[in-house]
PDB file of N, CA and C in Angstrom:
ATOM      1  N   MET A   1       0.805  -1.280   0.045  1.00  0.00           N
ATOM      2  CA  MET A   1      -0.076  -0.011  -0.008  1.00  0.00           C
ATOM      3  C   MET A   1       0.826   1.230   0.037  1.00  0.00           C
ATOM      4  N   ALA A   2       1.879   1.258   0.841  1.00  0.00           N
ATOM      5  CA  ALA A   2       2.619   2.397   1.038  1.00  0.00           C
ATOM      6  C   ALA A   2       3.363   2.785  -0.285  1.00  0.00           C
ATOM      7  N   LEU A   3       3.978   1.775  -0.986  1.00  0.00           N
ATOM      8  CA  LEU A   3       4.670   1.984  -2.218  1.00  0.00           C
ATOM      9  C   LEU A   3       3.651   2.498  -3.303  1.00  0.00           C
ATOM     10  N   SER A   4       2.537   1.918  -3.431  1.00  0.00           N
ATOM     11  CA  SER A   4       1.488   2.492  -4.253  1.00  0.00           C
ATOM     12  C   SER A   4       1.227   3.958  -3.973  1.00  0.00           C
ATOM     13  N   ALA A   5       0.915   4.189  -2.769  1.00  0.00           N
ATOM     14  CA  ALA A   5       0.619   5.637  -2.431  1.00  0.00           C
ATOM     15  C   ALA A   5       1.747   6.546  -2.680  1.00  0.00           C
ATOM     16  N   HIS A   6       2.994   6.250  -2.396  1.00  0.00           N
ATOM     17  CA  HIS A   6       4.197   7.090  -2.596  1.00  0.00           C
ATOM     18  C   HIS A   6       4.680   7.163  -4.099  1.00  0.00           C
ATOM     19  N   PHE A   7       4.803   5.909  -4.562  1.00  0.00           N
ATOM     20  CA  PHE A   7       5.459   6.040  -5.754  1.00  0.00           C
ATOM     21  C   PHE A   7       4.717   5.385  -7.056  1.00  0.00           C
ATOM     22  N   GLY A   8       3.443   5.106  -6.952  1.00  0.00           N
ATOM     23  CA  GLY A   8       2.622   4.674  -7.820  1.00  0.00           C
ATOM     24  C   GLY A   8       2.065   5.629  -8.786  1.00  0.00           C
ATOM     25  N   GLY A   9       2.187   6.872  -8.655  1.00  0.00           N
ATOM     26  CA  GLY A   9       1.670   7.930  -9.595  1.00  0.00           C
ATOM     27  C   GLY A   9       0.126   7.794  -9.274  1.00  0.00           C
ATOM     28  N   GLU A  10      -0.524   8.474 -10.293  1.00  0.00           N
ATOM     29  CA  GLU A  10      -1.998   8.458 -10.342  1.00  0.00           C
ATOM     30  C   GLU A  10      -2.640   7.101 -10.237  1.00  0.00           C
ATOM     31  N   GLU A  11      -2.155   5.994 -10.802  1.00  0.00           N
ATOM     32  CA  GLU A  11      -2.753   4.800 -10.906  1.00  0.00           C
ATOM     33  C   GLU A  11      -2.524   4.257  -9.442  1.00  0.00           C
ATOM     34  N   GLY A  12      -1.330   4.377  -8.745  1.00  0.00           N
ATOM     35  CA  GLY A  12      -1.163   3.842  -7.442  1.00  0.00           C
ATOM     36  C   GLY A  12      -2.041   4.436  -6.468  1.00  0.00           C
ATOM     37  N   ARG A  13      -2.223   5.915  -6.662  1.00  0.00           N
ATOM     38  CA  ARG A  13      -3.193   6.678  -5.746  1.00  0.00           C
ATOM     39  C   ARG A  13      -4.550   6.097  -5.795  1.00  0.00           C
ATOM     40  N   ASP A  14      -4.897   5.904  -7.130  1.00  0.00           N
ATOM     41  CA  ASP A  14      -6.361   5.416  -7.358  1.00  0.00           C
ATOM     42  C   ASP A  14      -6.663   4.060  -6.664  1.00  0.00           C
ATOM     43  N   LEU A  15      -5.510   3.092  -6.909  1.00  0.00           N
ATOM     44  CA  LEU A  15      -5.687   1.726  -6.294  1.00  0.00           C
ATOM     45  C   LEU A  15      -5.787   1.899  -4.815  1.00  0.00           C
ATOM     46  N   VAL A  16      -5.008   2.646  -4.192  1.00  0.00           N
ATOM     47  CA  VAL A  16      -5.120   2.786  -2.666  1.00  0.00           C
ATOM     48  C   VAL A  16      -6.331   3.286  -2.343  1.00  0.00           C
ATOM     49  N   GLU A  17      -6.835   4.437  -2.989  1.00  0.00           N
ATOM     50  CA  GLU A  17      -8.193   5.116  -2.582  1.00  0.00           C
ATOM     51  C   GLU A  17      -9.205   4.009  -2.817  1.00  0.00           C
ATOM     52  N   ARG A  18      -9.224   3.168  -3.877  1.00  0.00           N
ATOM     53  CA  ARG A  18     -10.129   2.089  -4.163  1.00  0.00           C
ATOM     54  C   ARG A  18     -10.148   1.094  -2.801  1.00  0.00           C
ATOM     55  N   PHE A  19      -9.012   0.684  -2.558  1.00  0.00           N
ATOM     56  CA  PHE A  19      -8.997  -0.138  -1.337  1.00  0.00           C
ATOM     57  C   PHE A  19      -9.439   0.208  -0.218  1.00  0.00           C
ATOM     58  N   ALA A  20      -9.114   1.583   0.191  1.00  0.00           N
ATOM     59  CA  ALA A  20      -9.569   2.251   1.350  1.00  0.00           C
ATOM     60  C   ALA A  20     -11.178   2.342   1.287  1.00  0.00           C
ATOM     61  N   ALA A  21     -11.886   2.473   0.205  1.00  0.00           N
ATOM     62  CA  ALA A  21     -13.243   2.471   0.091  1.00  0.00           C
ATOM     63  C   ALA A  21     -14.111   1.158   0.007  1.00  0.00           C
ATOM     64  N   THR A  22     -13.402   0.257  -0.656  1.00  0.00           N
ATOM     65  CA  THR A  22     -14.222  -0.970  -1.096  1.00  0.00           C
ATOM     66  C   THR A  22     -13.598  -2.275  -0.741  1.00  0.00           C
ATOM     67  N   HIS A  23     -12.462  -2.434  -0.346  1.00  0.00           N
ATOM     68  CA  HIS A  23     -11.854  -3.792  -0.086  1.00  0.00           C
ATOM     69  C   HIS A  23     -12.613  -4.592   0.974  1.00  0.00           C
ATOM     70  N   PRO A  24     -12.936  -5.772   0.761  1.00  0.00           N
ATOM     71  CA  PRO A  24     -13.591  -6.525   1.705  1.00  0.00           C
ATOM     72  C   PRO A  24     -12.940  -6.787   3.140  1.00  0.00           C
ATOM     73  N   SER A  25     -11.565  -6.651   3.236  1.00  0.00           N
ATOM     74  CA  SER A  25     -10.975  -6.794   4.425  1.00  0.00           C
ATOM     75  C   SER A  25     -10.835  -5.517   5.192  1.00  0.00           C
ATOM     76  N   ASP A  26     -11.373  -5.380   6.385  1.00  0.00           N
ATOM     77  CA  ASP A  26     -11.223  -4.203   7.207  1.00  0.00           C
ATOM     78  C   ASP A  26      -9.833  -3.733   7.368  1.00  0.00           C
ATOM     79  N   ARG A  27      -9.033  -4.905   7.543  1.00  0.00           N
ATOM     80  CA  ARG A  27      -7.473  -4.539   7.793  1.00  0.00           C
ATOM     81  C   ARG A  27      -6.757  -3.923   6.611  1.00  0.00           C
ATOM     82  N   ILE A  28      -7.174  -4.322   5.439  1.00  0.00           N
ATOM     83  CA  ILE A  28      -6.736  -3.878   4.249  1.00  0.00           C
ATOM     84  C   ILE A  28      -7.072  -2.516   4.032  1.00  0.00           C
ATOM     85  N   ARG A  29      -8.474  -2.216   4.262  1.00  0.00           N
ATOM     86  CA  ARG A  29      -8.972  -0.885   4.142  1.00  0.00           C
ATOM     87  C   ARG A  29      -8.239   0.126   4.977  1.00  0.00           C
ATOM     88  N   PHE A  30      -7.846  -0.390   6.306  1.00  0.00           N
ATOM     89  CA  PHE A  30      -7.341   0.729   7.128  1.00  0.00           C
ATOM     90  C   PHE A  30      -5.852   0.857   6.662  1.00  0.00           C
ATOM     91  N   ALA A  31      -5.117  -0.314   6.237  1.00  0.00           N
ATOM     92  CA  ALA A  31      -3.952  -0.178   5.585  1.00  0.00           C
ATOM     93  C   ALA A  31      -3.667   0.898   4.533  1.00  0.00           C
ATOM     94  N   ALA A  32      -4.849   0.886   3.785  1.00  0.00           N
ATOM     95  CA  ALA A  32      -4.763   1.827   2.616  1.00  0.00           C
ATOM     96  C   ALA A  32      -5.129   3.191   3.121  1.00  0.00           C
ATOM     97  N   VAL A  33      -5.885   3.404   4.077  1.00  0.00           N
ATOM     98  CA  VAL A  33      -6.067   4.670   4.717  1.00  0.00           C
ATOM     99  C   VAL A  33      -4.822   5.217   5.322  1.00  0.00           C
ATOM    100  N   ARG A  34      -4.130   4.339   5.944  1.00  0.00           N
ATOM    101  CA  ARG A  34      -2.840   4.813   6.587  1.00  0.00           C
ATOM    102  C   ARG A  34      -1.768   5.082   5.560  1.00  0.00           C
ATOM    103  N   ALA A  35      -1.751   4.296   4.394  1.00  0.00           N
ATOM    104  CA  ALA A  35      -0.907   4.660   3.289  1.00  0.00           C
ATOM    105  C   ALA A  35      -1.152   5.988   2.716  1.00  0.00           C
ATOM    106  N   GLN A  36      -2.497   6.406   2.631  1.00  0.00           N
ATOM    107  CA  GLN A  36      -2.880   7.628   2.029  1.00  0.00           C
ATOM    108  C   GLN A  36      -2.473   8.667   3.059  1.00  0.00           C
ATOM    109  N   ALA A  37      -2.601   8.565   4.380  1.00  0.00           N
ATOM    110  CA  ALA A  37      -2.109   9.568   5.219  1.00  0.00           C
ATOM    111  C   ALA A  37      -0.674   9.674   5.332  1.00  0.00           C
ATOM    112  N   ALA A  38       0.121   8.588   5.197  1.00  0.00           N
ATOM    113  CA  ALA A  38       1.572   8.576   5.171  1.00  0.00           C
ATOM    114  C   ALA A  38       2.024   9.429   3.836  1.00  0.00           C
ATOM    115  N   ALA A  39       1.277   9.397   2.753  1.00  0.00           N
ATOM    116  CA  ALA A  39       1.598  10.096   1.622  1.00  0.00           C
ATOM    117  C   ALA A  39       1.331  11.515   1.625  1.00  0.00           C
ATOM    118  N   ALA A  40       0.571  11.971   2.637  1.00  0.00           N
ATOM    119  CA  ALA A  40       0.245  13.418   2.696  1.00  0.00           C
ATOM    120  C   ALA A  40       1.481  14.163   2.950  1.00  0.00           C
ATOM    121  N   SER A  41       1.413  15.318   2.389  1.00  0.00           N
ATOM    122  CA  SER A  41       2.788  16.192   2.464  1.00  0.00           C
ATOM    123  C   SER A  41       2.876  16.958   3.884  1.00  0.00           C
ATOM    124  N   CYS A  42       1.785  16.956   4.659  1.00  0.00           N
ATOM    125  CA  CYS A  42       1.993  17.777   5.947  1.00  0.00           C
ATOM    126  C   CYS A  42       1.134  17.104   7.064  1.00  0.00           C
ATOM    127  N   VAL A  43       1.271  17.580   8.251  1.00  0.00           N
ATOM    128  CA  VAL A  43       0.452  17.028   9.301  1.00  0.00           C
ATOM    129  C   VAL A  43      -1.030  17.240   9.187  1.00  0.00           C
ATOM    130  N   ASP A  44      -1.355  18.417   8.713  1.00  0.00           N
ATOM    131  CA  ASP A  44      -2.830  18.678   8.452  1.00  0.00           C
ATOM    132  C   ASP A  44      -3.305  17.809   7.396  1.00  0.00           C
ATOM    133  N   GLY A  45      -2.663  17.540   6.439  1.00  0.00           N
ATOM    134  CA  GLY A  45      -3.155  16.523   5.406  1.00  0.00           C
ATOM    135  C   GLY A  45      -3.262  15.112   5.846  1.00  0.00           C
ATOM    136  N   ARG A  46      -2.341  14.609   6.758  1.00  0.00           N
ATOM    137  CA  ARG A  46      -2.595  13.483   7.408  1.00  0.00           C
ATOM    138  C   ARG A  46      -3.839  13.289   8.193  1.00  0.00           C
ATOM    139  N   LEU A  47      -3.945  14.373   9.111  1.00  0.00           N
ATOM    140  CA  LEU A  47      -5.189  14.441   9.806  1.00  0.00           C
ATOM    141  C   LEU A  47      -6.240  14.506   8.957  1.00  0.00           C
ATOM    142  N   ALA A  48      -6.360  15.091   7.941  1.00  0.00           N
ATOM    143  CA  ALA A  48      -7.581  15.412   6.989  1.00  0.00           C
ATOM    144  C   ALA A  48      -7.975  13.880   6.564  1.00  0.00           C
ATOM    145  N   VAL A  49      -7.058  13.112   6.301  1.00  0.00           N
ATOM    146  CA  VAL A  49      -7.182  11.726   5.786  1.00  0.00           C
ATOM    147  C   VAL A  49      -7.761  10.965   6.797  1.00  0.00           C
ATOM    148  N   TYR A  50      -7.236  10.831   7.933  1.00  0.00           N
ATOM    149  CA  TYR A  50      -7.807  10.127   9.106  1.00  0.00           C
ATOM    150  C   TYR A  50      -9.155  10.648   9.589  1.00  0.00           C
ATOM    151  N   GLU A  51      -9.360  11.879   9.563  1.00  0.00           N
ATOM    152  CA  GLU A  51     -10.659  12.554   9.915  1.00  0.00           C
ATOM    153  C   GLU A  51     -11.715  12.068   8.879  1.00  0.00           C
ATOM    154  N   ALA A  52     -11.380  12.080   7.637  1.00  0.00           N
ATOM    155  CA  ALA A  52     -12.326  11.545   6.774  1.00  0.00           C
ATOM    156  C   ALA A  52     -12.768  10.149   6.897  1.00  0.00           C
ATOM    157  N   ALA A  53     -11.773   9.267   7.234  1.00  0.00           N
ATOM    158  CA  ALA A  53     -11.950   7.936   7.537  1.00  0.00           C
ATOM    159  C   ALA A  53     -12.925   7.752   8.782  1.00  0.00           C
ATOM    160  N   THR A  54     -12.768   8.573   9.807  1.00  0.00           N
ATOM    161  CA  THR A  54     -13.514   8.557  10.972  1.00  0.00           C
ATOM    162  C   THR A  54     -15.044   8.627  10.744  1.00  0.00           C
ATOM    163  N   ARG A  55     -15.370   9.399   9.496  1.00  0.00           N
ATOM    164  CA  ARG A  55     -16.852   9.482   9.090  1.00  0.00           C
ATOM    165  C   ARG A  55     -17.316   8.357   8.305  1.00  0.00           C
ATOM    166  N   GLY A  56     -16.491   7.430   8.038  1.00  0.00           N
ATOM    167  CA  GLY A  56     -16.946   6.341   7.071  1.00  0.00           C
ATOM    168  C   GLY A  56     -17.848   5.446   7.694  1.00  0.00           C
ATOM    169  N   VAL A  57     -18.439   4.475   6.925  1.00  0.00           N
ATOM    170  CA  VAL A  57     -19.326   3.535   7.494  1.00  0.00           C
ATOM    171  C   VAL A  57     -18.736   2.353   8.132  1.00  0.00           C
ATOM    172  N   ASN A  58     -17.613   2.084   7.935  1.00  0.00           N
ATOM    173  CA  ASN A  58     -16.835   0.958   8.427  1.00  0.00           C
ATOM    174  C   ASN A  58     -16.396   1.061   9.766  1.00  0.00           C
ATOM    175  N   PRO A  59     -17.075   0.422  10.870  1.00  0.00           N
ATOM    176  CA  PRO A  59     -16.713   0.649  12.213  1.00  0.00           C
ATOM    177  C   PRO A  59     -15.145   0.536  12.693  1.00  0.00           C
ATOM    178  N   PHE A  60     -14.586  -0.634  12.080  1.00  0.00           N
ATOM    179  CA  PHE A  60     -12.986  -0.854  12.403  1.00  0.00           C
ATOM    180  C   PHE A  60     -12.243   0.417  11.870  1.00  0.00           C
ATOM    181  N   VAL A  61     -12.400   0.674  10.511  1.00  0.00           N
ATOM    182  CA  VAL A  61     -11.650   1.580   9.923  1.00  0.00           C
ATOM    183  C   VAL A  61     -11.900   3.077  10.668  1.00  0.00           C
ATOM    184  N   SER A  62     -13.011   3.084  10.967  1.00  0.00           N
ATOM    185  CA  SER A  62     -13.478   4.580  11.674  1.00  0.00           C
ATOM    186  C   SER A  62     -12.803   4.711  13.051  1.00  0.00           C
ATOM    187  N   ALA A  63     -12.754   3.490  13.737  1.00  0.00           N
ATOM    188  CA  ALA A  63     -12.149   3.548  15.170  1.00  0.00           C
ATOM    189  C   ALA A  63     -10.651   3.770  15.128  1.00  0.00           C
ATOM    190  N   MET A  64     -10.201   2.922  14.088  1.00  0.00           N
ATOM    191  CA  MET A  64      -8.648   2.950  14.007  1.00  0.00           C
ATOM    192  C   MET A  64      -8.099   4.354  13.556  1.00  0.00           C
ATOM    193  N   ALA A  65      -8.955   4.980  12.567  1.00  0.00           N
ATOM    194  CA  ALA A  65      -8.571   6.405  12.156  1.00  0.00           C
ATOM    195  C   ALA A  65      -8.616   7.410  13.151  1.00  0.00           C
ATOM    196  N   ALA A  66      -9.623   7.314  14.189  1.00  0.00           N
ATOM    197  CA  ALA A  66      -9.771   8.144  15.123  1.00  0.00           C
ATOM    198  C   ALA A  66      -8.696   7.952  16.082  1.00  0.00           C
ATOM    199  N   GLN A  67      -8.297   6.768  16.286  1.00  0.00           N
ATOM    200  CA  GLN A  67      -7.021   6.461  17.339  1.00  0.00           C
ATOM    201  C   GLN A  67      -5.865   7.153  16.688  1.00  0.00           C
ATOM    202  N   GLU A  68      -5.491   6.814  15.186  1.00  0.00           N
ATOM    203  CA  GLU A  68      -4.466   7.433  14.744  1.00  0.00           C
ATOM    204  C   GLU A  68      -4.507   8.927  14.644  1.00  0.00           C
ATOM    205  N   ALA A  69      -5.430   9.614  14.491  1.00  0.00           N
ATOM    206  CA  ALA A  69      -5.768  11.017  14.509  1.00  0.00           C
ATOM    207  C   ALA A  69      -5.375  11.669  15.828  1.00  0.00           C
ATOM    208  N   GLY A  70      -5.836  10.966  16.852  1.00  0.00           N
ATOM    209  CA  GLY A  70      -5.603  11.247  18.283  1.00  0.00           C
ATOM    210  C   GLY A  70      -3.918  11.120  18.536  1.00  0.00           C
ATOM    211  N   ARG A  71      -3.374  10.238  17.938  1.00  0.00           N
ATOM    212  CA  ARG A  71      -1.807  10.125  18.200  1.00  0.00           C
ATOM    213  C   ARG A  71      -1.176  11.161  17.588  1.00  0.00           C
ATOM    214  N   ILE A  72      -1.567  11.623  16.418  1.00  0.00           N
ATOM    215  CA  ILE A  72      -0.944  12.841  15.655  1.00  0.00           C
ATOM    216  C   ILE A  72      -1.263  13.972  16.503  1.00  0.00           C
ATOM    217  N   GLU A  73      -2.396  14.211  16.861  1.00  0.00           N
ATOM    218  CA  GLU A  73      -2.734  15.570  17.667  1.00  0.00           C
ATOM    219  C   GLU A  73      -2.043  15.506  19.061  1.00  0.00           C
ATOM    220  N   ALA A  74      -1.605  14.433  19.523  1.00  0.00           N
ATOM    221  CA  ALA A  74      -0.935  14.291  20.974  1.00  0.00           C
ATOM    222  C   ALA A  74       0.368  14.665  20.687  1.00  0.00           C
ATOM    223  N   SER A  75       1.012  14.505  19.477  1.00  0.00           N
ATOM    224  CA  SER A  75       2.490  14.598  19.330  1.00  0.00           C
ATOM    225  C   SER A  75       2.678  15.696  18.149  1.00  0.00           C
ATOM    226  N   ARG A  76       1.668  16.501  17.908  1.00  0.00           N
ATOM    227  CA  ARG A  76       1.732  17.488  16.866  1.00  0.00           C
ATOM    228  C   ARG A  76       2.865  18.478  17.165  1.00  0.00           C
ATOM    229  N   CYS A  77       2.978  19.006  18.238  1.00  0.00           N
ATOM    230  CA  CYS A  77       3.946  20.036  18.580  1.00  0.00           C
ATOM    231  C   CYS A  77       5.460  19.451  18.348  1.00  0.00           C
ATOM    232  N   TRP A  78       5.605  18.198  18.699  1.00  0.00           N
ATOM    233  CA  TRP A  78       6.910  17.550  18.531  1.00  0.00           C
ATOM    234  C   TRP A  78       7.209  17.344  16.988  1.00  0.00           C
ATOM    235  N   ILE A  79       6.125  16.930  16.370  1.00  0.00           N
ATOM    236  CA  ILE A  79       6.220  16.624  14.908  1.00  0.00           C
ATOM    237  C   ILE A  79       6.598  17.984  14.179  1.00  0.00           C
ATOM    238  N   GLU A  80       5.948  19.024  14.366  1.00  0.00           N
ATOM    239  CA  GLU A  80       6.173  20.245  13.759  1.00  0.00           C
ATOM    240  C   GLU A  80       7.408  21.003  14.189  1.00  0.00           C
ATOM    241  N   SER A  81       7.933  20.670  15.331  1.00  0.00           N
ATOM    242  CA  SER A  81       9.302  21.364  15.954  1.00  0.00           C
ATOM    243  C   SER A  81      10.536  20.579  15.360  1.00  0.00           C
ATOM    244  N   ALA A  82      10.223  19.322  14.847  1.00  0.00           N
ATOM    245  CA  ALA A  82      11.428  18.698  14.298  1.00  0.00           C
ATOM    246  C   ALA A  82      12.098  19.265  13.275  1.00  0.00           C
ATOM    247  N   PRO A  83      13.431  19.249  13.191  1.00  0.00           N
ATOM    248  CA  PRO A  83      14.190  19.998  12.143  1.00  0.00           C
ATOM    249  C   PRO A  83      14.065  19.272  10.878  1.00  0.00           C
ATOM    250  N   VAL A  84      13.962  19.899   9.791  1.00  0.00           N
ATOM    251  CA  VAL A  84      13.861  19.276   8.453  1.00  0.00           C
ATOM    252  C   VAL A  84      15.188  19.171   7.895  1.00  0.00           C
ATOM    253  N   THR A  85      15.612  17.954   7.594  1.00  0.00           N
ATOM    254  CA  THR A  85      16.910  17.821   6.892  1.00  0.00           C
ATOM    255  C   THR A  85      16.708  17.382   5.521  1.00  0.00           C
ATOM    256  N   PRO A  86      17.299  18.062   4.552  1.00  0.00           N
ATOM    257  CA  PRO A  86      17.148  17.758   3.149  1.00  0.00           C
ATOM    258  C   PRO A  86      17.508  16.288   2.812  1.00  0.00           C
ATOM    259  N   ALA A  87      16.816  15.728   2.001  1.00  0.00           N
ATOM    260  CA  ALA A  87      16.980  14.334   1.654  1.00  0.00           C
ATOM    261  C   ALA A  87      18.112  14.188   0.665  1.00  0.00           C
TER     262      ALA A  87
END
């Protein structure tokens, strides 16, 4: 999932989005949501992905997304204050 979200281009992002929305396995759906969040360019983008997933109809994905959003919010000041080093 992560490779598709990061390096798969438009088709990879579409695949991950489709898995997040329709895959029959709750765990695969959440893995796709997590991959989408990881590919976001900023903390707010990650939170937006998780917050959107909390409004979904799948109870497992919704609960896990809420938990991840809470973790990000709890460590937000640390994340934002970390020095950025060029790759």
